[in-house]
Amino acid sequence: MSWQPMTSAPRDGQRFVAGLWVGQGAAARFEMHIIRADLRGEGVHPGDDRGWAWADYTHWMALPIPLSPTTKAVQDTRRSKATVPPMHKAYGLE
């Protein structure tokens, strides 16, 4: 997965990570949000609106594919099972 320009972002309703620069100079920071396109027209879907317009985002990246229940979980050195990241749970991507 790598960052791509927003001109190539999916507009079919699938969620993805979008990034934008907020602030200027030394105070500037890069923010990332999980969004999707509004299928009724240009812009961010109202359910994913974080106060930024589609045109404010500069880059996008596909969401990582979550582990499925049938996938062998990656284990750490203590041999405990890997867990699904909270971000995936929040968006129903378990």
N, C-alpha and C. Protein backbone atom coordinates (compact mmCIF):
# COMPACT_ATOMS: atom_id res chain seq x y z
N MET A 1 0.84 -1.18 0.00
CA MET A 1 0.00 0.00 0.00
C MET A 1 0.89 1.24 0.00
N SER A 2 0.51 2.17 -0.82
CA SER A 2 1.25 3.42 -0.84
C SER A 2 0.28 4.57 -1.11
N TRP A 3 0.70 5.77 -0.74
CA TRP A 3 -0.12 6.95 -0.94
C TRP A 3 -0.26 7.24 -2.44
N GLN A 4 -1.47 7.63 -2.82
CA GLN A 4 -1.77 7.98 -4.20
C GLN A 4 -2.48 9.32 -4.21
N PRO A 5 -2.43 10.06 -5.33
CA PRO A 5 -3.12 11.35 -5.39
C PRO A 5 -4.65 11.17 -5.32
N MET A 6 -5.33 12.13 -4.75
CA MET A 6 -6.79 12.05 -4.60
C MET A 6 -7.53 11.96 -5.93
N THR A 7 -6.90 12.38 -7.01
CA THR A 7 -7.56 12.28 -8.32
C THR A 7 -7.86 10.83 -8.69
N SER A 8 -7.14 9.89 -8.07
CA SER A 8 -7.38 8.47 -8.36
C SER A 8 -8.16 7.76 -7.24
N ALA A 9 -8.66 8.51 -6.26
CA ALA A 9 -9.38 7.91 -5.12
C ALA A 9 -10.69 7.27 -5.59
N PRO A 10 -11.09 6.17 -4.95
CA PRO A 10 -12.33 5.49 -5.33
C PRO A 10 -13.55 6.37 -5.07
N ARG A 11 -14.48 6.33 -5.99
CA ARG A 11 -15.73 7.09 -5.84
C ARG A 11 -16.93 6.16 -5.87
N ASP A 12 -16.69 4.90 -5.48
CA ASP A 12 -17.76 3.90 -5.53
C ASP A 12 -18.36 3.60 -4.16
N GLY A 13 -18.02 4.37 -3.16
CA GLY A 13 -18.58 4.17 -1.82
C GLY A 13 -17.70 3.38 -0.88
N GLN A 14 -16.59 2.82 -1.36
CA GLN A 14 -15.70 2.08 -0.45
C GLN A 14 -14.89 3.06 0.40
N ARG A 15 -14.67 2.69 1.65
CA ARG A 15 -13.89 3.54 2.55
C ARG A 15 -12.40 3.36 2.29
N PHE A 16 -11.66 4.43 2.56
CA PHE A 16 -10.21 4.43 2.40
C PHE A 16 -9.63 5.47 3.33
N VAL A 17 -8.31 5.45 3.50
CA VAL A 17 -7.63 6.44 4.32
C VAL A 17 -7.30 7.63 3.43
N ALA A 18 -7.72 8.82 3.85
CA ALA A 18 -7.40 10.05 3.10
C ALA A 18 -6.56 10.94 4.00
N GLY A 19 -5.60 11.64 3.41
CA GLY A 19 -4.71 12.49 4.19
C GLY A 19 -4.70 13.92 3.69
N LEU A 20 -4.46 14.84 4.62
CA LEU A 20 -4.35 16.24 4.28
C LEU A 20 -3.44 16.94 5.26
N TRP A 21 -2.83 18.05 4.82
CA TRP A 21 -1.99 18.87 5.68
C TRP A 21 -2.85 19.92 6.35
N VAL A 22 -2.69 20.06 7.66
CA VAL A 22 -3.44 21.04 8.44
C VAL A 22 -2.42 21.99 9.08
N GLY A 23 -2.67 23.27 8.98
CA GLY A 23 -1.76 24.26 9.55
C GLY A 23 -0.67 24.65 8.57
N GLN A 24 0.19 25.54 9.04
CA GLN A 24 1.26 26.03 8.18
C GLN A 24 2.58 26.06 8.94
N GLY A 25 3.67 26.06 8.20
CA GLY A 25 4.99 26.18 8.80
C GLY A 25 5.31 25.06 9.77
N ALA A 26 5.95 25.42 10.88
CA ALA A 26 6.38 24.44 11.88
C ALA A 26 5.19 23.78 12.57
N ALA A 27 4.03 24.44 12.55
CA ALA A 27 2.84 23.90 13.21
C ALA A 27 2.05 22.95 12.30
N ALA A 28 2.47 22.79 11.05
CA ALA A 28 1.74 21.93 10.11
C ALA A 28 1.82 20.47 10.55
N ARG A 29 0.75 19.76 10.34
CA ARG A 29 0.70 18.33 10.66
C ARG A 29 -0.12 17.61 9.59
N PHE A 30 0.17 16.36 9.38
CA PHE A 30 -0.54 15.53 8.41
C PHE A 30 -1.60 14.74 9.15
N GLU A 31 -2.86 14.91 8.78
CA GLU A 31 -3.95 14.16 9.39
C GLU A 31 -4.45 13.10 8.42
N MET A 32 -4.89 11.98 8.99
CA MET A 32 -5.46 10.90 8.20
C MET A 32 -6.86 10.59 8.71
N HIS A 33 -7.81 10.45 7.80
CA HIS A 33 -9.19 10.13 8.13
C HIS A 33 -9.66 8.98 7.25
N ILE A 34 -10.56 8.16 7.78
CA ILE A 34 -11.19 7.13 6.97
C ILE A 34 -12.46 7.74 6.41
N ILE A 35 -12.53 7.84 5.08
CA ILE A 35 -13.68 8.47 4.43
C ILE A 35 -14.12 7.62 3.24
N ARG A 36 -15.21 8.07 2.61
CA ARG A 36 -15.69 7.50 1.35
C ARG A 36 -16.39 8.61 0.58
N ALA A 37 -16.55 8.40 -0.70
CA ALA A 37 -17.18 9.41 -1.55
C ALA A 37 -18.70 9.39 -1.35
N ASP A 38 -19.31 10.55 -1.49
CA ASP A 38 -20.76 10.68 -1.48
C ASP A 38 -21.24 10.28 -2.86
N LEU A 39 -22.03 9.22 -2.97
CA LEU A 39 -22.48 8.72 -4.26
C LEU A 39 -23.50 9.64 -4.92
N ARG A 40 -24.03 10.61 -4.18
CA ARG A 40 -25.02 11.53 -4.75
C ARG A 40 -24.38 12.72 -5.43
N GLY A 41 -23.08 12.83 -5.37
CA GLY A 41 -22.41 13.96 -6.00
C GLY A 41 -20.97 14.06 -5.54
N GLU A 42 -20.35 15.16 -5.84
CA GLU A 42 -18.96 15.38 -5.45
C GLU A 42 -18.86 15.55 -3.94
N GLY A 43 -17.80 15.05 -3.37
CA GLY A 43 -17.54 15.31 -1.97
C GLY A 43 -17.47 14.08 -1.10
N VAL A 44 -17.28 14.34 0.18
CA VAL A 44 -17.16 13.30 1.20
C VAL A 44 -18.56 12.89 1.64
N HIS A 45 -18.78 11.59 1.84
CA HIS A 45 -20.06 11.07 2.32
C HIS A 45 -20.39 11.74 3.65
N PRO A 46 -21.64 12.19 3.84
CA PRO A 46 -22.00 12.87 5.09
C PRO A 46 -21.69 12.06 6.35
N GLY A 47 -21.76 10.75 6.28
CA GLY A 47 -21.46 9.91 7.43
C GLY A 47 -19.99 9.89 7.81
N ASP A 48 -19.14 10.33 6.91
CA ASP A 48 -17.70 10.34 7.14
C ASP A 48 -17.12 11.74 7.18
N ASP A 49 -17.98 12.73 7.20
CA ASP A 49 -17.55 14.14 7.15
C ASP A 49 -16.82 14.52 8.43
N ARG A 50 -15.59 14.98 8.30
CA ARG A 50 -14.78 15.43 9.44
C ARG A 50 -14.56 16.94 9.38
N GLY A 51 -15.37 17.64 8.55
CA GLY A 51 -15.25 19.08 8.44
C GLY A 51 -14.35 19.52 7.30
N TRP A 52 -13.86 18.56 6.51
CA TRP A 52 -12.98 18.88 5.39
C TRP A 52 -13.67 18.51 4.09
N ALA A 53 -13.46 19.33 3.06
CA ALA A 53 -14.02 19.05 1.74
C ALA A 53 -13.14 18.03 1.02
N TRP A 54 -13.71 17.35 0.03
CA TRP A 54 -12.97 16.38 -0.77
C TRP A 54 -11.69 17.03 -1.32
N ALA A 55 -11.80 18.26 -1.78
CA ALA A 55 -10.67 18.96 -2.39
C ALA A 55 -9.57 19.28 -1.38
N ASP A 56 -9.86 19.25 -0.08
CA ASP A 56 -8.84 19.51 0.94
C ASP A 56 -7.87 18.35 1.08
N TYR A 57 -8.35 17.13 0.81
CA TYR A 57 -7.50 15.95 0.93
C TYR A 57 -6.54 15.89 -0.25
N THR A 58 -5.29 15.52 0.02
CA THR A 58 -4.28 15.50 -1.03
C THR A 58 -3.92 14.09 -1.49
N HIS A 59 -4.03 13.10 -0.60
CA HIS A 59 -3.62 11.74 -0.92
C HIS A 59 -4.57 10.73 -0.29
N TRP A 60 -4.57 9.53 -0.81
CA TRP A 60 -5.38 8.45 -0.26
C TRP A 60 -4.59 7.14 -0.32
N MET A 61 -5.05 6.17 0.50
CA MET A 61 -4.46 4.84 0.56
C MET A 61 -5.57 3.85 0.91
N ALA A 62 -5.52 2.67 0.33
CA ALA A 62 -6.50 1.64 0.64
C ALA A 62 -6.36 1.21 2.09
N LEU A 63 -7.46 0.81 2.69
CA LEU A 63 -7.41 0.26 4.05
C LEU A 63 -6.75 -1.11 4.00
N PRO A 64 -6.00 -1.46 5.03
CA PRO A 64 -5.41 -2.80 5.05
C PRO A 64 -6.51 -3.86 5.16
N ILE A 65 -6.25 -5.01 4.61
CA ILE A 65 -7.23 -6.09 4.68
C ILE A 65 -7.15 -6.70 6.07
N PRO A 66 -8.27 -6.71 6.81
CA PRO A 66 -8.23 -7.25 8.17
C PRO A 66 -8.12 -8.77 8.16
N LEU A 67 -7.67 -9.32 9.28
CA LEU A 67 -7.61 -10.77 9.43
C LEU A 67 -9.02 -11.33 9.44
N SER A 68 -9.20 -12.47 8.83
CA SER A 68 -10.49 -13.13 8.88
C SER A 68 -10.44 -14.22 9.95
N PRO A 69 -11.59 -14.68 10.41
CA PRO A 69 -11.58 -15.72 11.45
C PRO A 69 -10.88 -17.01 10.99
N THR A 70 -10.81 -17.24 9.68
CA THR A 70 -10.18 -18.46 9.18
C THR A 70 -8.69 -18.29 8.91
N THR A 71 -8.19 -17.05 8.99
CA THR A 71 -6.76 -16.80 8.78
C THR A 71 -6.00 -17.13 10.05
N LYS A 72 -4.88 -17.83 9.90
CA LYS A 72 -4.06 -18.13 11.07
C LYS A 72 -3.52 -16.82 11.63
N ALA A 73 -3.80 -16.54 12.88
CA ALA A 73 -3.38 -15.29 13.52
C ALA A 73 -1.87 -15.27 13.70
N VAL A 74 -1.30 -14.11 13.44
CA VAL A 74 0.12 -13.91 13.70
C VAL A 74 0.31 -13.84 15.20
N GLN A 75 1.31 -14.53 15.71
CA GLN A 75 1.51 -14.58 17.14
C GLN A 75 2.78 -13.85 17.53
N ASP A 76 2.71 -13.18 18.68
CA ASP A 76 3.91 -12.48 19.16
C ASP A 76 4.79 -13.46 19.94
N THR A 77 5.84 -12.96 20.55
CA THR A 77 6.80 -13.83 21.25
C THR A 77 6.18 -14.55 22.44
N ARG A 78 5.10 -14.05 22.98
CA ARG A 78 4.42 -14.71 24.11
C ARG A 78 3.41 -15.74 23.63
N ARG A 79 3.28 -15.88 22.31
CA ARG A 79 2.34 -16.84 21.71
C ARG A 79 0.88 -16.47 21.94
N SER A 80 0.57 -15.20 22.12
CA SER A 80 -0.83 -14.80 22.25
C SER A 80 -1.36 -14.49 20.85
N LYS A 81 -2.66 -14.60 20.67
CA LYS A 81 -3.27 -14.37 19.37
C LYS A 81 -3.24 -12.88 19.01
N ALA A 82 -3.10 -12.60 17.71
CA ALA A 82 -3.17 -11.23 17.24
C ALA A 82 -4.61 -10.73 17.37
N THR A 83 -4.76 -9.47 17.60
CA THR A 83 -6.10 -8.91 17.71
C THR A 83 -6.36 -7.97 16.54
N VAL A 84 -7.62 -7.81 16.22
CA VAL A 84 -8.02 -6.89 15.16
C VAL A 84 -7.88 -5.47 15.71
N PRO A 85 -7.23 -4.57 14.97
CA PRO A 85 -7.08 -3.19 15.46
C PRO A 85 -8.43 -2.54 15.72
N PRO A 86 -8.52 -1.69 16.76
CA PRO A 86 -9.79 -1.04 17.11
C PRO A 86 -10.39 -0.27 15.93
N MET A 87 -9.54 0.32 15.06
CA MET A 87 -10.05 1.07 13.92
C MET A 87 -10.92 0.17 13.03
N HIS A 88 -10.49 -1.08 12.84
CA HIS A 88 -11.25 -1.99 12.00
C HIS A 88 -12.59 -2.34 12.65
N LYS A 89 -12.58 -2.55 13.96
CA LYS A 89 -13.81 -2.86 14.67
C LYS A 89 -14.81 -1.71 14.57
N ALA A 90 -14.31 -0.49 14.69
CA ALA A 90 -15.19 0.68 14.66
C ALA A 90 -15.90 0.81 13.31
N TYR A 91 -15.30 0.31 12.25
CA TYR A 91 -15.90 0.43 10.92
C TYR A 91 -16.47 -0.89 10.44
N GLY A 92 -16.63 -1.85 11.34
CA GLY A 92 -17.25 -3.11 10.98
C GLY A 92 -16.40 -3.95 10.03
N LEU A 93 -15.08 -3.81 10.11
CA LEU A 93 -14.18 -4.51 9.19
C LEU A 93 -13.46 -5.64 9.89
N GLU A 94 -14.13 -6.32 10.78
CA GLU A 94 -13.47 -7.41 11.52
C GLU A 94 -13.29 -8.62 10.65
